[in-house]
């Protein structure tokens, strides 16, 4: 049990932070104060790791700029996959476009996701969080508990938001892979890349499936963090304007 003491302490701290935020928001949000606190805490954590997300996007742009060289290497070493992979990784390394950077935001979110999962699915936090309500529905309510009253419309709206966000992010994954010539930061011509390229765009929809078995509090967290990811993609990965004078150079 001692091995799980840090997790228990983290869950307790997260529960205390949520209770504190809910207390601050209660005059404004009323009965929705705890749900609003979940949203604010999730946004705060995402803001903390946003510098890593910016670094991830910069790496993607570097890889996109290398796309012509990548295609040239793919033509030159089409019959030598091992040499092709070595040359591609060497190209990315020399340009400072490390694939590892793209994994850091997701890796750092994992511990927070674990803490939130424990907090929203157990009484470990000791704050009575799951007994709080949103639109009359307990934050500990599952879909399997029934859809009577406001539960049906509330879950329907949240799940519909997750489906729309998953569709949008799936499309962005395909577009990024096409622009950079990489799959999850690795060369698109590497071993298993074709299979990975088919599976990665489906991953955002896993959030919808997970939401089907989680309590309302956790679904609110999932919608918030997924919406934040979509917003980051829309802002950070928006097309950059052409440099001044580019039109003149093409004349």
Protein backbone atom coordinates (compact mmCIF):
# COMPACT_ATOMS: atom_id res chain seq x y z
CA UNK A 1 0.00 0.00 0.00
CA UNK A 2 2.92 2.35 0.62
CA UNK A 3 3.68 2.28 -3.10
CA UNK A 4 0.33 3.94 -3.73
CA UNK A 5 0.72 6.59 -1.03
CA UNK A 6 1.86 9.31 -3.51
CA UNK A 7 -1.20 8.65 -5.68
CA UNK A 8 -3.47 8.78 -2.64
CA UNK A 9 -1.90 12.09 -1.57
CA UNK A 10 -2.26 13.52 -5.09
CA UNK A 11 -5.92 12.52 -5.22
CA UNK A 12 -6.49 14.14 -1.84
CA UNK A 13 -4.77 17.34 -2.99
CA UNK A 14 -6.82 17.43 -6.20
CA UNK A 15 -10.01 16.91 -4.21
CA UNK A 16 -9.09 19.73 -1.83
CA UNK A 17 -8.31 22.04 -4.77
CA UNK A 18 -11.67 21.23 -6.36
CA UNK A 19 -13.51 21.89 -3.11
CA UNK A 20 -11.72 25.22 -2.72
CA UNK A 21 -12.51 26.26 -6.29
CA UNK A 22 -16.13 25.18 -5.91
CA UNK A 23 -16.42 27.31 -2.79
CA UNK A 24 -15.09 30.33 -4.67
CA UNK A 25 -17.44 29.77 -7.61
CA UNK A 26 -20.58 28.99 -5.63
CA UNK A 27 -21.80 32.62 -5.43
CA UNK A 28 -21.64 32.81 -9.23
CA UNK A 29 -22.34 29.25 -10.38
CA UNK A 30 -24.69 28.08 -7.63
CA UNK A 31 -25.40 24.36 -7.89
CA UNK A 32 -23.06 24.04 -10.88
CA UNK A 33 -20.06 25.26 -8.85
CA UNK A 34 -18.36 21.85 -8.60
CA UNK A 35 -18.76 21.16 -12.32
CA UNK A 36 -17.31 24.61 -13.07
CA UNK A 37 -14.42 23.85 -10.70
CA UNK A 38 -13.65 20.68 -12.67
CA UNK A 39 -13.48 22.75 -15.86
CA UNK A 40 -11.22 25.40 -14.30
CA UNK A 41 -8.84 22.88 -12.74
CA UNK A 42 -8.51 21.03 -16.03
CA UNK A 43 -7.79 24.26 -17.90
CA UNK A 44 -5.20 25.25 -15.28
CA UNK A 45 -3.31 21.98 -15.73
CA UNK A 46 -3.42 22.28 -19.52
CA UNK A 47 -2.05 25.82 -19.25
CA UNK A 48 0.86 24.53 -17.15
CA UNK A 49 1.95 22.11 -19.88
CA UNK A 50 1.17 24.47 -22.78
CA UNK A 51 4.88 25.38 -23.32
CA UNK A 52 5.51 21.73 -24.21
CA UNK A 53 2.60 21.81 -26.64
CA UNK A 54 4.12 24.88 -28.30
CA UNK A 55 7.43 23.00 -28.61
CA UNK A 56 5.55 20.06 -30.13
CA UNK A 57 3.97 22.29 -32.79
CA UNK A 58 7.33 23.88 -33.60
CA UNK A 59 8.75 20.42 -34.13
CA UNK A 60 5.87 19.56 -36.46
CA UNK A 61 6.52 22.71 -38.49
CA UNK A 62 10.18 21.83 -38.79
CA UNK A 63 9.21 18.37 -40.04
CA UNK A 64 6.75 19.91 -42.49
CA UNK A 65 9.51 22.15 -43.85
CA UNK A 66 11.60 19.01 -44.40
CA UNK A 67 8.84 17.32 -46.45
CA UNK A 68 10.55 17.88 -49.86
CA UNK A 69 13.80 16.35 -48.56
CA UNK A 70 11.84 13.46 -47.03
CA UNK A 71 10.19 12.69 -50.36
CA UNK A 72 13.59 12.84 -52.08
CA UNK A 73 15.04 10.34 -49.60
CA UNK A 74 12.02 8.08 -50.03
CA UNK A 75 12.63 7.99 -53.78
CA UNK A 76 16.38 7.41 -53.44
CA UNK A 77 16.13 4.59 -50.86
CA UNK A 78 12.79 3.04 -51.81
CA UNK A 79 14.45 -0.37 -52.06
CA UNK A 80 16.42 -0.07 -48.82
CA UNK A 81 14.01 0.51 -45.88
CA UNK A 82 16.74 0.28 -43.23
CA UNK A 83 18.90 2.91 -44.95
CA UNK A 84 15.83 5.07 -45.56
CA UNK A 85 14.87 5.04 -41.89
CA UNK A 86 18.43 5.87 -40.85
CA UNK A 87 18.64 8.77 -43.29
CA UNK A 88 15.25 10.14 -42.22
CA UNK A 89 16.08 10.09 -38.54
CA UNK A 90 19.42 11.73 -39.32
CA UNK A 91 17.62 14.46 -41.26
CA UNK A 92 15.18 15.15 -38.42
CA UNK A 93 17.96 15.13 -35.84
CA UNK A 94 20.08 17.63 -37.78
CA UNK A 95 17.08 19.96 -38.12
CA UNK A 96 16.20 19.74 -34.42
CA UNK A 97 12.84 18.11 -35.17
CA UNK A 98 12.96 15.42 -32.50
CA UNK A 99 9.96 13.05 -32.46
CA UNK A 100 10.28 12.81 -28.66
CA UNK A 101 9.06 16.39 -28.25
CA UNK A 102 5.70 15.45 -29.71
CA UNK A 103 5.13 12.84 -27.00
CA UNK A 104 5.85 15.02 -23.97
CA UNK A 105 2.45 16.75 -23.61
CA UNK A 106 0.60 13.43 -23.68
CA UNK A 107 3.08 11.85 -21.25
CA UNK A 108 2.73 14.69 -18.76
CA UNK A 109 -1.06 14.57 -18.97
CA UNK A 110 -1.08 10.87 -18.06
CA UNK A 111 -0.44 11.31 -14.30
CA UNK A 112 -3.09 14.02 -14.08
CA UNK A 113 -5.53 11.80 -15.96
CA UNK A 114 -4.85 8.99 -13.47
CA UNK A 115 -5.44 11.31 -10.51
CA UNK A 116 -8.67 12.66 -12.01
CA UNK A 117 -9.87 9.15 -12.79
CA UNK A 118 -9.34 8.08 -9.18
CA UNK A 119 -10.97 11.23 -7.87
CA UNK A 120 -14.03 10.89 -10.11
CA UNK A 121 -14.56 7.16 -9.71
CA UNK A 122 -13.80 6.55 -6.01
CA UNK A 123 -14.28 8.26 -2.65
CA UNK A 124 -10.51 8.42 -2.17
CA UNK A 125 -10.48 12.21 -2.25
CA UNK A 126 -12.82 12.30 0.73
CA UNK A 127 -14.59 15.45 -0.52
CA UNK A 128 -18.03 14.10 -1.42
CA UNK A 129 -17.40 15.28 -4.97
CA UNK A 130 -19.53 12.61 -6.63
CA UNK A 131 -22.54 13.59 -4.54
CA UNK A 132 -22.58 17.12 -5.96
CA UNK A 133 -24.99 17.82 -8.81
CA UNK A 134 -25.22 19.46 -12.21
CA UNK A 135 -28.73 20.24 -13.49
CA UNK A 136 -30.03 17.94 -10.79
CA UNK A 137 -27.84 15.00 -11.86
CA UNK A 138 -25.23 13.58 -9.47
CA UNK A 139 -21.65 13.94 -10.65
CA UNK A 140 -21.27 10.27 -9.77
CA UNK A 141 -24.10 9.28 -12.15
CA UNK A 142 -23.26 6.73 -14.88
CA UNK A 143 -25.18 6.07 -18.07
CA UNK A 144 -26.03 2.64 -16.70
CA UNK A 145 -27.77 4.33 -13.75
CA UNK A 146 -30.52 5.46 -16.12
CA UNK A 147 -31.40 8.40 -18.34
CA UNK A 148 -34.45 9.65 -16.47
CA UNK A 149 -34.94 13.36 -15.90
CA UNK A 150 -32.07 15.63 -16.92
CA UNK A 151 -29.54 12.78 -17.13
CA UNK A 152 -30.50 11.79 -20.69
CA UNK A 153 -30.23 15.27 -22.27
CA UNK A 154 -27.10 16.10 -20.25
CA UNK A 155 -25.18 12.98 -21.28
CA UNK A 156 -26.46 13.36 -24.87
CA UNK A 157 -25.04 16.88 -25.14
CA UNK A 158 -21.67 15.92 -23.62
CA UNK A 159 -21.28 12.80 -25.77
CA UNK A 160 -22.28 14.73 -28.91
CA UNK A 161 -19.57 17.29 -28.12
CA UNK A 162 -17.02 14.50 -27.74
CA UNK A 163 -18.02 12.96 -31.09
CA UNK A 164 -17.67 16.31 -32.89
CA UNK A 165 -14.31 17.01 -31.23
CA UNK A 166 -13.08 13.49 -32.04
CA UNK A 167 -14.05 13.90 -35.71
CA UNK A 168 -12.26 17.25 -35.94
CA UNK A 169 -9.10 16.00 -34.23
CA UNK A 170 -9.05 12.85 -36.36
CA UNK A 171 -9.09 15.00 -39.47
CA UNK A 172 -6.26 17.12 -38.10
CA UNK A 173 -4.14 14.03 -37.42
CA UNK A 174 -4.49 12.95 -41.05
CA UNK A 175 -3.66 16.44 -42.29
CA UNK A 176 -0.59 16.76 -40.06
CA UNK A 177 0.71 13.38 -41.21
CA UNK A 178 0.28 14.42 -44.84
CA UNK A 179 2.04 17.76 -44.32
CA UNK A 180 5.01 16.47 -42.30
CA UNK A 181 5.49 13.07 -43.90
CA UNK A 182 5.58 11.50 -40.43
CA UNK A 183 3.30 9.31 -38.32
CA UNK A 184 3.32 10.15 -34.60
CA UNK A 185 6.65 11.89 -35.12
CA UNK A 186 8.27 8.89 -36.84
CA UNK A 187 9.08 8.62 -40.54
CA UNK A 188 6.04 7.59 -42.56
CA UNK A 189 8.16 4.99 -44.36
CA UNK A 190 9.25 3.26 -41.15
CA UNK A 191 8.25 -0.26 -40.10
CA UNK A 192 4.56 -0.48 -39.25
CA UNK A 193 3.96 3.12 -40.31
CA UNK A 194 1.07 2.19 -42.61
CA UNK A 195 -0.76 0.39 -39.79
CA UNK A 196 -0.05 3.24 -37.38
CA UNK A 197 -1.31 5.77 -39.93
CA UNK A 198 -4.64 3.94 -40.06
CA UNK A 199 -4.97 3.56 -36.30
CA UNK A 200 -3.95 7.02 -35.07
CA UNK A 201 -6.91 8.91 -36.62
CA UNK A 202 -9.22 6.51 -34.77
CA UNK A 203 -7.73 7.19 -31.34
CA UNK A 204 -9.75 10.39 -30.66
CA UNK A 205 -12.93 8.30 -30.86
CA UNK A 206 -11.67 6.17 -27.95
CA UNK A 207 -12.52 9.13 -25.72
CA UNK A 208 -16.18 8.71 -26.65
CA UNK A 209 -16.10 5.01 -25.76
CA UNK A 210 -14.40 5.73 -22.43
CA UNK A 211 -17.01 8.36 -21.61
CA UNK A 212 -19.75 5.73 -21.89
CA UNK A 213 -18.53 3.97 -18.74
CA UNK A 214 -17.39 6.95 -16.63
CA UNK A 215 -19.38 9.06 -14.17
CA UNK A 216 -20.61 12.50 -15.13
CA UNK A 217 -17.72 14.26 -13.36
CA UNK A 218 -15.16 12.40 -15.47
CA UNK A 219 -17.13 13.05 -18.66
CA UNK A 220 -17.02 16.78 -17.90
CA UNK A 221 -13.25 16.48 -17.51
CA UNK A 222 -12.93 14.60 -20.82
CA UNK A 223 -15.00 17.17 -22.71
CA UNK A 224 -12.93 20.01 -21.23
CA UNK A 225 -9.50 18.55 -21.93
CA UNK A 226 -10.51 17.41 -25.43
CA UNK A 227 -11.96 20.84 -26.25
CA UNK A 228 -8.73 22.43 -25.00
CA UNK A 229 -6.69 20.14 -27.26
CA UNK A 230 -8.88 21.10 -30.22
CA UNK A 231 -8.48 24.80 -29.39
CA UNK A 232 -4.71 24.41 -29.19
CA UNK A 233 -4.66 22.75 -32.59
CA UNK A 234 -6.83 25.47 -34.12
CA UNK A 235 -4.66 28.27 -32.72
CA UNK A 236 -1.16 26.82 -32.79
CA UNK A 237 -1.49 24.88 -36.05
CA UNK A 238 -3.31 27.53 -38.05
CA UNK A 239 -1.73 28.26 -41.47
CA UNK A 240 0.93 30.92 -41.17
CA UNK A 241 0.81 33.88 -43.60
CA UNK A 242 3.34 33.89 -46.39
CA UNK A 243 6.43 36.04 -45.72
CA UNK A 244 6.26 39.60 -47.00
CA UNK A 245 7.63 39.84 -50.48
CA UNK A 246 6.93 36.22 -51.32
CA UNK A 247 4.55 37.21 -54.10
CA UNK A 248 7.20 39.53 -55.55
CA UNK A 249 9.79 36.74 -55.52
CA UNK A 250 7.51 34.50 -57.54
CA UNK A 251 7.09 37.08 -60.31
